[in-house]
Full PDB file with SEQRES, HELIX, SHEET, SSBOND, CRYST1, ORIGX, SCALE, CONECT and MASTER records, all heavy atoms in Angstrom:
SEQRES   1 A   37  LYS TYR GLY ALA GLY ASP ARG TYR LYS ASP GLY ARG GLN          
SEQRES   2 A   37  PHE THR ASP MET ASP GLU SER GLN THR GLN SER LEU LEU          
SEQRES   3 A   37  LYS LYS PHE ASP ASN ILE LEU LEU LEU GLN GLN                  
HELIX    1 AA1 GLU A   19  LEU A   26  1                                   8    
SHEET    1 AA1 2 ASP A   6  LYS A   9  0                                        
SHEET    2 AA1 2 ARG A  12  THR A  15 -1                                        
CRYST1    1.000    1.000    1.000  90.00  90.00  90.00 P 1           1          
ORIGX1      1.000000  0.000000  0.000000        0.00000                         
ORIGX2      0.000000  1.000000  0.000000        0.00000                         
ORIGX3      0.000000  0.000000  1.000000        0.00000                         
SCALE1      1.000000  0.000000  0.000000        0.00000                         
SCALE2      0.000000  1.000000  0.000000        0.00000                         
SCALE3      0.000000  0.000000  1.000000        0.00000                         
ATOM      1  N   LYS A   1      15.856  43.708  -9.416  1.00  0.00           N  
ATOM      2  CA  LYS A   1      16.649  42.333  -9.549  1.00  0.00           C  
ATOM      3  C   LYS A   1      17.820  42.616 -10.448  1.00  0.00           C  
ATOM      4  O   LYS A   1      17.569  43.313 -11.554  1.00  0.00           O  
ATOM      5  CB  LYS A   1      15.708  41.230  -9.922  1.00  0.00           C  
ATOM      6  CG  LYS A   1      14.727  40.971  -8.783  1.00  0.00           C  
ATOM      7  CD  LYS A   1      13.963  39.734  -9.013  1.00  0.00           C  
ATOM      8  CE  LYS A   1      12.996  39.461  -7.932  1.00  0.00           C  
ATOM      9  NZ  LYS A   1      12.280  38.112  -7.945  1.00  0.00           N  
ATOM     10  N   TYR A   2      18.970  42.030 -10.161  1.00  0.00           N  
ATOM     11  CA  TYR A   2      20.104  42.311 -10.913  1.00  0.00           C  
ATOM     12  C   TYR A   2      20.098  41.529 -12.187  1.00  0.00           C  
ATOM     13  O   TYR A   2      19.911  40.355 -12.258  1.00  0.00           O  
ATOM     14  CB  TYR A   2      21.340  42.044 -10.132  1.00  0.00           C  
ATOM     15  CG  TYR A   2      22.646  42.398 -10.766  1.00  0.00           C  
ATOM     16  CD1 TYR A   2      23.032  43.780 -10.680  1.00  0.00           C  
ATOM     17  CD2 TYR A   2      23.445  41.564 -11.430  1.00  0.00           C  
ATOM     18  CE1 TYR A   2      24.190  44.241 -11.315  1.00  0.00           C  
ATOM     19  CE2 TYR A   2      24.608  41.962 -12.064  1.00  0.00           C  
ATOM     20  CZ  TYR A   2      24.958  43.309 -11.968  1.00  0.00           C  
ATOM     21  OH  TYR A   2      26.189  43.662 -12.557  1.00  0.00           O  
ATOM     22  N   GLY A   3      20.361  42.219 -13.306  1.00  0.00           N  
ATOM     23  CA  GLY A   3      20.359  41.639 -14.625  1.00  0.00           C  
ATOM     24  C   GLY A   3      20.239  42.625 -15.698  1.00  0.00           C  
ATOM     25  O   GLY A   3      20.320  43.826 -15.466  1.00  0.00           O  
ATOM     26  N   ALA A   4      20.118  42.257 -16.941  1.00  0.00           N  
ATOM     27  CA  ALA A   4      20.125  43.206 -18.051  1.00  0.00           C  
ATOM     28  C   ALA A   4      18.872  43.163 -18.904  1.00  0.00           C  
ATOM     29  O   ALA A   4      18.772  43.885 -19.903  1.00  0.00           O  
ATOM     30  CB  ALA A   4      21.386  43.062 -18.876  1.00  0.00           C  
ATOM     31  N   GLY A   5      17.925  42.219 -18.696  1.00  0.00           N  
ATOM     32  CA  GLY A   5      16.873  42.072 -19.565  1.00  0.00           C  
ATOM     33  C   GLY A   5      15.489  42.174 -18.990  1.00  0.00           C  
ATOM     34  O   GLY A   5      15.335  42.531 -17.717  1.00  0.00           O  
ATOM     35  N   ASP A   6      14.530  41.931 -19.889  1.00  0.00           N  
ATOM     36  CA  ASP A   6      13.059  41.850 -19.360  1.00  0.00           C  
ATOM     37  C   ASP A   6      12.667  40.453 -19.418  1.00  0.00           C  
ATOM     38  O   ASP A   6      13.005  39.704 -20.332  1.00  0.00           O  
ATOM     39  CB  ASP A   6      12.239  42.716 -20.292  1.00  0.00           C  
ATOM     40  CG  ASP A   6      12.680  44.162 -20.405  1.00  0.00           C  
ATOM     41  OD1 ASP A   6      13.361  44.629 -19.431  1.00  0.00           O  
ATOM     42  OD2 ASP A   6      12.442  44.737 -21.454  1.00  0.00           O  
ATOM     43  N   ARG A   7      11.878  40.029 -18.443  1.00  0.00           N  
ATOM     44  CA  ARG A   7      11.465  38.617 -18.350  1.00  0.00           C  
ATOM     45  C   ARG A   7      10.168  38.493 -17.665  1.00  0.00           C  
ATOM     46  O   ARG A   7       9.713  39.443 -16.947  1.00  0.00           O  
ATOM     47  CB  ARG A   7      12.534  37.857 -17.600  1.00  0.00           C  
ATOM     48  CG  ARG A   7      12.858  38.154 -16.180  1.00  0.00           C  
ATOM     49  CD  ARG A   7      14.126  37.623 -15.629  1.00  0.00           C  
ATOM     50  NE  ARG A   7      14.500  38.291 -14.421  1.00  0.00           N  
ATOM     51  CZ  ARG A   7      14.053  37.884 -13.224  1.00  0.00           C  
ATOM     52  NH1 ARG A   7      13.257  36.805 -13.122  1.00  0.00           N  
ATOM     53  NH2 ARG A   7      14.331  38.535 -12.120  1.00  0.00           N  
ATOM     54  N   TYR A   8       9.549  37.307 -17.940  1.00  0.00           N  
ATOM     55  CA  TYR A   8       8.287  36.876 -17.284  1.00  0.00           C  
ATOM     56  C   TYR A   8       8.558  35.740 -16.408  1.00  0.00           C  
ATOM     57  O   TYR A   8       9.100  34.734 -16.945  1.00  0.00           O  
ATOM     58  CB  TYR A   8       7.200  36.719 -18.350  1.00  0.00           C  
ATOM     59  CG  TYR A   8       5.839  36.568 -17.887  1.00  0.00           C  
ATOM     60  CD1 TYR A   8       5.127  37.599 -17.563  1.00  0.00           C  
ATOM     61  CD2 TYR A   8       5.347  35.225 -17.707  1.00  0.00           C  
ATOM     62  CE1 TYR A   8       3.834  37.410 -17.074  1.00  0.00           C  
ATOM     63  CE2 TYR A   8       4.038  35.041 -17.295  1.00  0.00           C  
ATOM     64  CZ  TYR A   8       3.261  36.224 -16.953  1.00  0.00           C  
ATOM     65  OH  TYR A   8       1.980  36.016 -16.460  1.00  0.00           O  
ATOM     66  N   LYS A   9       8.290  35.749 -15.215  1.00  0.00           N  
ATOM     67  CA  LYS A   9       8.602  34.637 -14.333  1.00  0.00           C  
ATOM     68  C   LYS A   9       7.435  34.560 -13.164  1.00  0.00           C  
ATOM     69  O   LYS A   9       7.114  35.602 -12.549  1.00  0.00           O  
ATOM     70  CB  LYS A   9       9.861  34.846 -13.583  1.00  0.00           C  
ATOM     71  CG  LYS A   9      10.352  33.694 -12.678  1.00  0.00           C  
ATOM     72  CD  LYS A   9      11.648  33.832 -12.062  1.00  0.00           C  
ATOM     73  CE  LYS A   9      11.972  32.857 -11.077  1.00  0.00           C  
ATOM     74  NZ  LYS A   9      13.099  33.078 -10.172  1.00  0.00           N  
ATOM     75  N   ASP A  10       6.996  33.379 -13.054  1.00  0.00           N  
ATOM     76  CA  ASP A  10       6.015  33.144 -11.886  1.00  0.00           C  
ATOM     77  C   ASP A  10       4.774  34.105 -11.966  1.00  0.00           C  
ATOM     78  O   ASP A  10       4.333  34.580 -10.977  1.00  0.00           O  
ATOM     79  CB  ASP A  10       6.629  33.219 -10.496  1.00  0.00           C  
ATOM     80  CG  ASP A  10       7.768  32.221 -10.343  1.00  0.00           C  
ATOM     81  OD1 ASP A  10       7.707  31.159 -10.959  1.00  0.00           O  
ATOM     82  OD2 ASP A  10       8.727  32.499  -9.578  1.00  0.00           O  
ATOM     83  N   GLY A  11       4.240  34.310 -13.206  1.00  0.00           N  
ATOM     84  CA  GLY A  11       3.092  35.204 -13.399  1.00  0.00           C  
ATOM     85  C   GLY A  11       3.325  36.656 -13.303  1.00  0.00           C  
ATOM     86  O   GLY A  11       2.398  37.453 -13.262  1.00  0.00           O  
ATOM     87  N   ARG A  12       4.581  37.049 -13.244  1.00  0.00           N  
ATOM     88  CA  ARG A  12       4.934  38.502 -13.152  1.00  0.00           C  
ATOM     89  C   ARG A  12       5.981  38.913 -14.190  1.00  0.00           C  
ATOM     90  O   ARG A  12       6.855  38.179 -14.538  1.00  0.00           O  
ATOM     91  CB  ARG A  12       5.527  38.796 -11.710  1.00  0.00           C  
ATOM     92  CG  ARG A  12       4.535  38.687 -10.655  1.00  0.00           C  
ATOM     93  CD  ARG A  12       5.110  38.839  -9.336  1.00  0.00           C  
ATOM     94  NE  ARG A  12       5.986  37.712  -8.961  1.00  0.00           N  
ATOM     95  CZ  ARG A  12       6.744  37.585  -7.910  1.00  0.00           C  
ATOM     96  NH1 ARG A  12       6.811  38.650  -7.134  1.00  0.00           N  
ATOM     97  NH2 ARG A  12       7.548  36.548  -7.717  1.00  0.00           N  
ATOM     98  N   GLN A  13       5.823  40.124 -14.672  1.00  0.00           N  
ATOM     99  CA  GLN A  13       6.806  40.767 -15.626  1.00  0.00           C  
ATOM    100  C   GLN A  13       7.874  41.546 -14.716  1.00  0.00           C  
ATOM    101  O   GLN A  13       7.583  42.232 -13.935  1.00  0.00           O  
ATOM    102  CB  GLN A  13       6.124  41.740 -16.532  1.00  0.00           C  
ATOM    103  CG  GLN A  13       6.944  42.464 -17.554  1.00  0.00           C  
ATOM    104  CD  GLN A  13       7.560  41.537 -18.583  1.00  0.00           C  
ATOM    105  OE1 GLN A  13       6.940  40.652 -19.007  1.00  0.00           O  
ATOM    106  NE2 GLN A  13       8.863  41.630 -18.836  1.00  0.00           N  
ATOM    107  N   PHE A  14       9.132  41.237 -15.085  1.00  0.00           N  
ATOM    108  CA  PHE A  14      10.259  41.999 -14.447  1.00  0.00           C  
ATOM    109  C   PHE A  14      11.082  42.764 -15.413  1.00  0.00           C  
ATOM    110  O   PHE A  14      11.431  42.260 -16.528  1.00  0.00           O  
ATOM    111  CB  PHE A  14      11.147  40.867 -13.720  1.00  0.00           C  
ATOM    112  CG  PHE A  14      10.512  40.286 -12.490  1.00  0.00           C  
ATOM    113  CD1 PHE A  14       9.909  39.032 -12.599  1.00  0.00           C  
ATOM    114  CD2 PHE A  14      10.480  40.902 -11.323  1.00  0.00           C  
ATOM    115  CE1 PHE A  14       9.238  38.383 -11.549  1.00  0.00           C  
ATOM    116  CE2 PHE A  14       9.906  40.301 -10.219  1.00  0.00           C  
ATOM    117  CZ  PHE A  14       9.240  39.015 -10.357  1.00  0.00           C  
ATOM    118  N   THR A  15      11.527  43.885 -15.059  1.00  0.00           N  
ATOM    119  CA  THR A  15      12.490  44.666 -15.681  1.00  0.00           C  
ATOM    120  C   THR A  15      13.799  44.656 -14.785  1.00  0.00           C  
ATOM    121  O   THR A  15      13.807  45.270 -13.778  1.00  0.00           O  
ATOM    122  CB  THR A  15      12.042  46.214 -15.863  1.00  0.00           C  
ATOM    123  OG1 THR A  15      10.842  46.118 -16.679  1.00  0.00           O  
ATOM    124  CG2 THR A  15      13.112  46.944 -16.485  1.00  0.00           C  
ATOM    125  N   ASP A  16      14.762  43.893 -15.199  1.00  0.00           N  
ATOM    126  CA  ASP A  16      15.975  43.772 -14.383  1.00  0.00           C  
ATOM    127  C   ASP A  16      16.901  44.889 -14.868  1.00  0.00           C  
ATOM    128  O   ASP A  16      16.868  45.490 -15.925  1.00  0.00           O  
ATOM    129  CB  ASP A  16      16.714  42.441 -14.654  1.00  0.00           C  
ATOM    130  CG  ASP A  16      15.812  41.307 -14.227  1.00  0.00           C  
ATOM    131  OD1 ASP A  16      14.971  41.459 -13.401  1.00  0.00           O  
ATOM    132  OD2 ASP A  16      16.129  40.085 -14.613  1.00  0.00           O  
ATOM    133  N   MET A  17      17.830  45.339 -13.908  1.00  0.00           N  
ATOM    134  CA  MET A  17      18.748  46.477 -14.237  1.00  0.00           C  
ATOM    135  C   MET A  17      20.163  45.983 -13.746  1.00  0.00           C  
ATOM    136  O   MET A  17      20.319  45.395 -12.776  1.00  0.00           O  
ATOM    137  CB  MET A  17      18.326  47.713 -13.526  1.00  0.00           C  
ATOM    138  CG  MET A  17      17.064  48.297 -14.026  1.00  0.00           C  
ATOM    139  SD  MET A  17      17.131  49.076 -15.611  1.00  0.00           S  
ATOM    140  CE  MET A  17      17.812  50.685 -15.044  1.00  0.00           C  
ATOM    141  N   ASP A  18      21.152  46.570 -14.534  1.00  0.00           N  
ATOM    142  CA  ASP A  18      22.533  46.447 -14.031  1.00  0.00           C  
ATOM    143  C   ASP A  18      23.110  47.899 -13.925  1.00  0.00           C  
ATOM    144  O   ASP A  18      22.359  48.883 -14.188  1.00  0.00           O  
ATOM    145  CB  ASP A  18      23.334  45.566 -14.950  1.00  0.00           C  
ATOM    146  CG  ASP A  18      23.451  46.029 -16.400  1.00  0.00           C  
ATOM    147  OD1 ASP A  18      23.270  47.323 -16.591  1.00  0.00           O  
ATOM    148  OD2 ASP A  18      23.813  45.275 -17.270  1.00  0.00           O  
ATOM    149  N   GLU A  19      24.418  47.930 -13.602  1.00  0.00           N  
ATOM    150  CA  GLU A  19      24.949  49.268 -13.318  1.00  0.00           C  
ATOM    151  C   GLU A  19      25.004  50.165 -14.537  1.00  0.00           C  
ATOM    152  O   GLU A  19      24.677  51.323 -14.452  1.00  0.00           O  
ATOM    153  CB  GLU A  19      26.427  49.113 -12.831  1.00  0.00           C  
ATOM    154  CG  GLU A  19      26.494  48.352 -11.473  1.00  0.00           C  
ATOM    155  CD  GLU A  19      26.687  46.936 -11.468  1.00  0.00           C  
ATOM    156  OE1 GLU A  19      26.370  46.300 -12.657  1.00  0.00           O  
ATOM    157  OE2 GLU A  19      27.203  46.287 -10.583  1.00  0.00           O  
ATOM    158  N   SER A  20      25.356  49.594 -15.676  1.00  0.00           N  
ATOM    159  CA  SER A  20      25.416  50.441 -16.897  1.00  0.00           C  
ATOM    160  C   SER A  20      23.956  50.878 -17.339  1.00  0.00           C  
ATOM    161  O   SER A  20      23.867  52.049 -17.763  1.00  0.00           O  
ATOM    162  CB  SER A  20      26.073  49.724 -18.013  1.00  0.00           C  
ATOM    163  OG  SER A  20      25.359  48.534 -18.437  1.00  0.00           O  
ATOM    164  N   GLN A  21      23.077  50.123 -17.162  1.00  0.00           N  
ATOM    165  CA  GLN A  21      21.622  50.497 -17.502  1.00  0.00           C  
ATOM    166  C   GLN A  21      21.187  51.599 -16.534  1.00  0.00           C  
ATOM    167  O   GLN A  21      20.495  52.544 -16.949  1.00  0.00           O  
ATOM    168  CB  GLN A  21      20.731  49.316 -17.448  1.00  0.00           C  
ATOM    169  CG  GLN A  21      20.936  48.390 -18.617  1.00  0.00           C  
ATOM    170  CD  GLN A  21      20.106  47.089 -18.437  1.00  0.00           C  
ATOM    171  OE1 GLN A  21      19.736  46.745 -17.342  1.00  0.00           O  
ATOM    172  NE2 GLN A  21      19.831  46.469 -19.570  1.00  0.00           N  
ATOM    173  N   THR A  22      21.478  51.443 -15.344  1.00  0.00           N  
ATOM    174  CA  THR A  22      21.189  52.494 -14.356  1.00  0.00           C  
ATOM    175  C   THR A  22      21.861  53.867 -14.652  1.00  0.00           C  
ATOM    176  O   THR A  22      21.174  54.907 -14.664  1.00  0.00           O  
ATOM    177  CB  THR A  22      21.605  52.112 -12.906  1.00  0.00           C  
ATOM    178  OG1 THR A  22      20.974  50.854 -12.539  1.00  0.00           O  
ATOM    179  CG2 THR A  22      21.279  53.170 -11.934  1.00  0.00           C  
ATOM    180  N   GLN A  23      23.143  53.767 -15.016  1.00  0.00           N  
ATOM    181  CA  GLN A  23      23.831  54.972 -15.383  1.00  0.00           C  
ATOM    182  C   GLN A  23      23.178  55.679 -16.598  1.00  0.00           C  
ATOM    183  O   GLN A  23      22.961  56.862 -16.599  1.00  0.00           O  
ATOM    184  CB  GLN A  23      25.320  54.646 -15.738  1.00  0.00           C  
ATOM    185  CG  GLN A  23      26.146  54.148 -14.654  1.00  0.00           C  
ATOM    186  CD  GLN A  23      26.583  55.372 -13.655  1.00  0.00           C  
ATOM    187  OE1 GLN A  23      26.435  56.394 -14.029  1.00  0.00           O  
ATOM    188  NE2 GLN A  23      27.110  54.973 -12.530  1.00  0.00           N  
ATOM    189  N   SER A  24      22.811  54.839 -17.627  1.00  0.00           N  
ATOM    190  CA  SER A  24      22.213  55.414 -18.806  1.00  0.00           C  
ATOM    191  C   SER A  24      20.754  56.084 -18.403  1.00  0.00           C  
ATOM    192  O   SER A  24      20.539  57.096 -18.966  1.00  0.00           O  
ATOM    193  CB  SER A  24      21.943  54.355 -19.896  1.00  0.00           C  
ATOM    194  OG  SER A  24      23.146  53.776 -20.232  1.00  0.00           O  
ATOM    195  N   LEU A  25      20.050  55.418 -17.579  1.00  0.00           N  
ATOM    196  CA  LEU A  25      18.748  55.893 -17.139  1.00  0.00           C  
ATOM    197  C   LEU A  25      18.894  57.272 -16.496  1.00  0.00           C  
ATOM    198  O   LEU A  25      18.260  58.305 -16.777  1.00  0.00           O  
ATOM    199  CB  LEU A  25      18.026  54.896 -16.308  1.00  0.00           C  
ATOM    200  CG  LEU A  25      16.701  55.396 -15.656  1.00  0.00           C  
ATOM    201  CD1 LEU A  25      15.712  55.628 -16.790  1.00  0.00           C  
ATOM    202  CD2 LEU A  25      16.220  54.383 -14.666  1.00  0.00           C  
ATOM    203  N   LEU A  26      19.849  57.251 -15.457  1.00  0.00           N  
ATOM    204  CA  LEU A  26      20.020  58.432 -14.657  1.00  0.00           C  
ATOM    205  C   LEU A  26      20.555  59.688 -15.499  1.00  0.00           C  
ATOM    206  O   LEU A  26      20.293  60.836 -15.139  1.00  0.00           O  
ATOM    207  CB  LEU A  26      20.858  58.203 -13.373  1.00  0.00           C  
ATOM    208  CG  LEU A  26      20.308  57.180 -12.459  1.00  0.00           C  
ATOM    209  CD1 LEU A  26      21.183  57.072 -11.190  1.00  0.00           C  
ATOM    210  CD2 LEU A  26      18.835  57.462 -12.022  1.00  0.00           C  
ATOM    211  N   LYS A  27      21.361  59.344 -16.423  1.00  0.00           N  
ATOM    212  CA  LYS A  27      22.010  60.409 -17.264  1.00  0.00           C  
ATOM    213  C   LYS A  27      21.060  61.206 -18.162  1.00  0.00           C  
ATOM    214  O   LYS A  27      21.278  62.163 -18.654  1.00  0.00           O  
ATOM    215  CB  LYS A  27      23.122  59.840 -18.094  1.00  0.00           C  
ATOM    216  CG  LYS A  27      24.383  59.560 -17.317  1.00  0.00           C  
ATOM    217  CD  LYS A  27      25.441  59.018 -18.228  1.00  0.00           C  
ATOM    218  CE  LYS A  27      26.700  58.733 -17.482  1.00  0.00           C  
ATOM    219  NZ  LYS A  27      27.666  58.052 -18.286  1.00  0.00           N  
ATOM    220  N   LYS A  28      19.813  60.629 -18.185  1.00  0.00           N  
ATOM    221  CA  LYS A  28      18.705  61.302 -18.945  1.00  0.00           C  
ATOM    222  C   LYS A  28      18.269  62.532 -18.307  1.00  0.00           C  
ATOM    223  O   LYS A  28      17.592  63.449 -18.781  1.00  0.00           O  
ATOM    224  CB  LYS A  28      17.496  60.404 -19.147  1.00  0.00           C  
ATOM    225  CG  LYS A  28      17.867  59.213 -20.071  1.00  0.00           C  
ATOM    226  CD  LYS A  28      16.525  58.262 -20.347  1.00  0.00           C  
ATOM    227  CE  LYS A  28      16.954  57.064 -21.048  1.00  0.00           C  
ATOM    228  NZ  LYS A  28      17.256  57.248 -22.444  1.00  0.00           N  
ATOM    229  N   PHE A  29      18.651  62.709 -16.973  1.00  0.00           N  
ATOM    230  CA  PHE A  29      18.267  63.783 -16.163  1.00  0.00           C  
ATOM    231  C   PHE A  29      19.376  64.625 -15.680  1.00  0.00           C  
ATOM    232  O   PHE A  29      20.359  64.130 -15.265  1.00  0.00           O  
ATOM    233  CB  PHE A  29      17.447  63.225 -14.973  1.00  0.00           C  
ATOM    234  CG  PHE A  29      16.282  62.456 -15.227  1.00  0.00           C  
ATOM    235  CD1 PHE A  29      16.366  61.069 -15.493  1.00  0.00           C  
ATOM    236  CD2 PHE A  29      15.054  63.007 -15.450  1.00  0.00           C  
ATOM    237  CE1 PHE A  29      15.201  60.311 -15.849  1.00  0.00           C  
ATOM    238  CE2 PHE A  29      13.880  62.320 -15.842  1.00  0.00           C  
ATOM    239  CZ  PHE A  29      14.068  60.936 -15.980  1.00  0.00           C  
ATOM    240  N   ASP A  30      19.294  65.939 -15.784  1.00  0.00           N  
ATOM    241  CA  ASP A  30      20.339  66.763 -15.322  1.00  0.00           C  
ATOM    242  C   ASP A  30      20.218  67.236 -13.827  1.00  0.00           C  
ATOM    243  O   ASP A  30      21.061  67.959 -13.333  1.00  0.00           O  
ATOM    244  CB  ASP A  30      20.526  68.047 -16.253  1.00  0.00           C  
ATOM    245  CG  ASP A  30      19.297  68.842 -16.254  1.00  0.00           C  
ATOM    246  OD1 ASP A  30      18.357  68.742 -15.579  1.00  0.00           O  
ATOM    247  OD2 ASP A  30      19.277  69.772 -17.135  1.00  0.00           O  
ATOM    248  N   ASN A  31      19.238  66.700 -13.253  1.00  0.00           N  
ATOM    249  CA  ASN A  31      18.999  67.094 -11.805  1.00  0.00           C  
ATOM    250  C   ASN A  31      19.076  65.914 -10.899  1.00  0.00           C  
ATOM    251  O   ASN A  31      18.513  65.901  -9.870  1.00  0.00           O  
ATOM    252  CB  ASN A  31      17.697  67.881 -11.606  1.00  0.00           C  
ATOM    253  CG  ASN A  31      16.422  67.117 -11.973  1.00  0.00           C  
ATOM    254  OD1 ASN A  31      16.557  66.152 -12.750  1.00  0.00           O  
ATOM    255  ND2 ASN A  31      15.315  67.510 -11.434  1.00  0.00           N  
ATOM    256  N   ILE A  32      19.744  64.895 -11.370  1.00  0.00           N  
ATOM    257  CA  ILE A  32      19.865  63.636 -10.499  1.00  0.00           C  
ATOM    258  C   ILE A  32      21.469  63.563 -10.170  1.00  0.00           C  
ATOM    259  O   ILE A  32      22.269  63.613 -11.000  1.00  0.00           O  
ATOM    260  CB  ILE A  32      19.416  62.409 -11.160  1.00  0.00           C  
ATOM    261  CG1 ILE A  32      17.940  62.336 -11.166  1.00  0.00           C  
ATOM    262  CG2 ILE A  32      20.032  61.138 -10.524  1.00  0.00           C  
ATOM    263  CD1 ILE A  32      17.402  61.113 -11.824  1.00  0.00           C  
ATOM    264  N   LEU A  33      21.694  63.359  -8.917  1.00  0.00           N  
ATOM    265  CA  LEU A  33      23.045  62.989  -8.397  1.00  0.00           C  
ATOM    266  C   LEU A  33      23.096  61.664  -7.834  1.00  0.00           C  
ATOM    267  O   LEU A  33      22.347  61.325  -6.772  1.00  0.00           O  
ATOM    268  CB  LEU A  33      23.445  63.986  -7.345  1.00  0.00           C  
ATOM    269  CG  LEU A  33      24.851  63.758  -6.665  1.00  0.00           C  
ATOM    270  CD1 LEU A  33      25.960  63.815  -7.723  1.00  0.00           C  
ATOM    271  CD2 LEU A  33      25.119  64.654  -5.539  1.00  0.00           C  
ATOM    272  N   LEU A  34      23.748  60.705  -8.402  1.00  0.00           N  
ATOM    273  CA  LEU A  34      23.838  59.329  -7.986  1.00  0.00           C  
ATOM    274  C   LEU A  34      24.663  59.397  -6.667  1.00  0.00           C  
ATOM    275  O   LEU A  34      25.925  59.758  -6.703  1.00  0.00           O  
ATOM    276  CB  LEU A  34      24.413  58.409  -8.951  1.00  0.00           C  
ATOM    277  CG  LEU A  34      24.622  56.935  -8.579  1.00  0.00           C  
ATOM    278  CD1 LEU A  34      23.334  56.263  -8.171  1.00  0.00           C  
ATOM    279  CD2 LEU A  34      25.323  56.157  -9.647  1.00  0.00           C  
ATOM    280  N   LEU A  35      24.141  58.954  -5.529  1.00  0.00           N  
ATOM    281  CA  LEU A  35      24.885  58.875  -4.282  1.00  0.00           C  
ATOM    282  C   LEU A  35      25.530  57.551  -4.017  1.00  0.00           C  
ATOM    283  O   LEU A  35      26.623  57.447  -3.567  1.00  0.00           O  
ATOM    284  CB  LEU A  35      23.961  59.270  -3.105  1.00  0.00           C  
ATOM    285  CG  LEU A  35      23.274  60.674  -3.118  1.00  0.00           C  
ATOM    286  CD1 LEU A  35      22.270  60.881  -2.079  1.00  0.00           C  
ATOM    287  CD2 LEU A  35      24.415  61.782  -3.176  1.00  0.00           C  
ATOM    288  N   GLN A  36      24.749  56.445  -4.214  1.00  0.00           N  
ATOM    289  CA  GLN A  36      25.208  55.157  -3.946  1.00  0.00           C  
ATOM    290  C   GLN A  36      24.582  54.116  -4.887  1.00  0.00           C  
ATOM    291  O   GLN A  36      23.363  54.377  -5.292  1.00  0.00           O  
ATOM    292  CB  GLN A  36      24.958  54.767  -2.467  1.00  0.00           C  
ATOM    293  CG  GLN A  36      25.775  55.467  -1.472  1.00  0.00           C  
ATOM    294  CD  GLN A  36      25.515  54.776  -0.131  1.00  0.00           C  
ATOM    295  OE1 GLN A  36      25.123  55.499   0.842  1.00  0.00           O  
ATOM    296  NE2 GLN A  36      25.828  53.555   0.090  1.00  0.00           N  
ATOM    297  N   GLN A  37      25.305  53.053  -5.190  1.00  0.00           N  
ATOM    298  CA  GLN A  37      24.779  52.003  -5.984  1.00  0.00           C  
ATOM    299  C   GLN A  37      25.555  50.801  -5.644  1.00  0.00           C  
ATOM    300  O   GLN A  37      26.852  50.696  -5.600  1.00  0.00           O  
ATOM    301  CB  GLN A  37      24.988  52.289  -7.456  1.00  0.00           C  
ATOM    302  CG  GLN A  37      24.476  51.282  -8.377  1.00  0.00           C  
ATOM    303  CD  GLN A  37      24.602  51.685  -9.875  1.00  0.00           C  
ATOM    304  OE1 GLN A  37      23.645  51.642 -10.612  1.00  0.00           O  
ATOM    305  NE2 GLN A  37      25.760  51.941 -10.355  1.00  0.00           N  
TER     306      GLN A  37                                                      
MASTER        0    0    0    1    2    0    0    6  305    1    0    3          
END                                                                             
């Protein structure tokens, strides 16, 4: 789900992500090539 934070909604925990967070996550790996976002 698009967003930047962690939240609790309707009995579930969600980790939301945006483009910059995705970039930071994927950059932790030297064997990942981002194809589409």
